[in-house]
């Protein structure tokens, strides 16, 4: 999908997300499954993001806010 001029992909499986991110075809690849926060900037410029745990089972609850213009990610933790 294209959003704000950025190529963005979503997929549940983190292994498939990493494979997509390594292609360099996307600016941002988001995944889930592990419920663990992860943000990695790959050498090809792609951001790989797992927004973490929304319900607070494995980690404190939180989510990610992505500024696609600046390609900046903020991890928002809930109290």
Protein backbone atom coordinates (compact mmCIF):
# COMPACT_ATOMS: atom_id res chain seq x y z
CA UNK A 1 0.00 0.00 0.00
CA UNK A 2 1.15 3.55 -0.54
CA UNK A 3 0.53 6.10 2.22
CA UNK A 4 1.86 9.67 2.15
CA UNK A 5 4.18 8.68 -0.69
CA UNK A 6 5.67 5.80 1.31
CA UNK A 7 5.45 2.11 0.46
CA UNK A 8 4.08 0.28 3.49
CA UNK A 9 3.41 -3.43 4.07
CA UNK A 10 1.70 -5.27 6.92
CA UNK A 11 1.99 -8.96 7.65
CA UNK A 12 1.43 -10.95 10.85
CA UNK A 13 4.44 -13.28 10.67
CA UNK A 14 7.75 -11.63 11.69
CA UNK A 15 9.86 -13.97 9.53
CA UNK A 16 7.89 -13.04 6.43
CA UNK A 17 8.03 -9.38 7.45
CA UNK A 18 11.82 -9.52 7.67
CA UNK A 19 11.96 -11.14 4.22
CA UNK A 20 9.73 -8.39 2.80
CA UNK A 21 11.82 -5.68 4.48
CA UNK A 22 15.07 -7.12 3.09
CA UNK A 23 13.79 -6.73 -0.49
CA UNK A 24 14.05 -2.95 -0.20
CA UNK A 25 10.69 -2.62 -1.94
CA UNK A 26 9.08 -0.97 1.10
CA UNK A 27 9.82 2.02 3.29
CA UNK A 28 8.05 0.47 6.29
CA UNK A 29 7.13 -3.14 7.05
CA UNK A 30 4.94 -3.82 10.10
CA UNK A 31 4.39 -7.19 11.72
CA UNK A 32 3.01 -8.72 14.88
CA UNK A 33 2.72 -12.21 16.31
CA UNK A 34 5.44 -11.97 18.99
CA UNK A 35 3.79 -9.06 20.86
CA UNK A 36 7.31 -7.70 21.48
CA UNK A 37 8.39 -4.17 20.56
CA UNK A 38 10.93 -4.14 17.77
CA UNK A 39 12.16 -1.35 15.55
CA UNK A 40 15.00 -2.03 13.15
CA UNK A 41 16.37 0.22 10.42
CA UNK A 42 17.78 -2.13 7.81
CA UNK A 43 20.80 -1.22 5.69
CA UNK A 44 18.54 -0.72 2.66
CA UNK A 45 16.62 2.04 4.49
CA UNK A 46 13.51 -0.01 5.28
CA UNK A 47 12.07 0.27 8.77
CA UNK A 48 10.90 -3.03 10.27
CA UNK A 49 8.38 -2.46 13.07
CA UNK A 50 6.57 -4.67 15.52
CA UNK A 51 4.43 -2.27 17.58
CA UNK A 52 4.52 -4.53 20.61
CA UNK A 53 1.87 -5.58 23.06
CA UNK A 54 -1.43 -3.72 23.07
CA UNK A 55 -3.04 -5.75 25.89
CA UNK A 56 -0.07 -5.94 28.25
CA UNK A 57 0.29 -9.73 28.45
CA UNK A 58 4.02 -10.08 27.62
CA UNK A 59 5.16 -6.45 27.83
CA UNK A 60 3.73 -3.21 29.14
CA UNK A 61 0.80 -2.21 26.90
CA UNK A 62 1.58 0.22 24.13
CA UNK A 63 1.51 0.97 20.45
CA UNK A 64 3.52 2.75 17.76
CA UNK A 65 2.93 6.14 16.19
CA UNK A 66 4.66 6.51 12.81
CA UNK A 67 5.37 9.85 11.14
CA UNK A 68 5.62 8.81 7.49
CA UNK A 69 6.90 12.22 6.38
CA UNK A 70 9.91 12.07 8.70
CA UNK A 71 10.03 8.26 8.94
CA UNK A 72 10.14 8.53 12.72
CA UNK A 73 8.54 6.04 15.09
CA UNK A 74 7.40 6.74 18.64
CA UNK A 75 6.68 3.91 21.05
CA UNK A 76 3.72 4.98 23.17
CA UNK A 77 3.46 3.06 26.45
CA UNK A 78 0.16 3.08 28.32
CA UNK A 79 -0.04 3.43 32.10
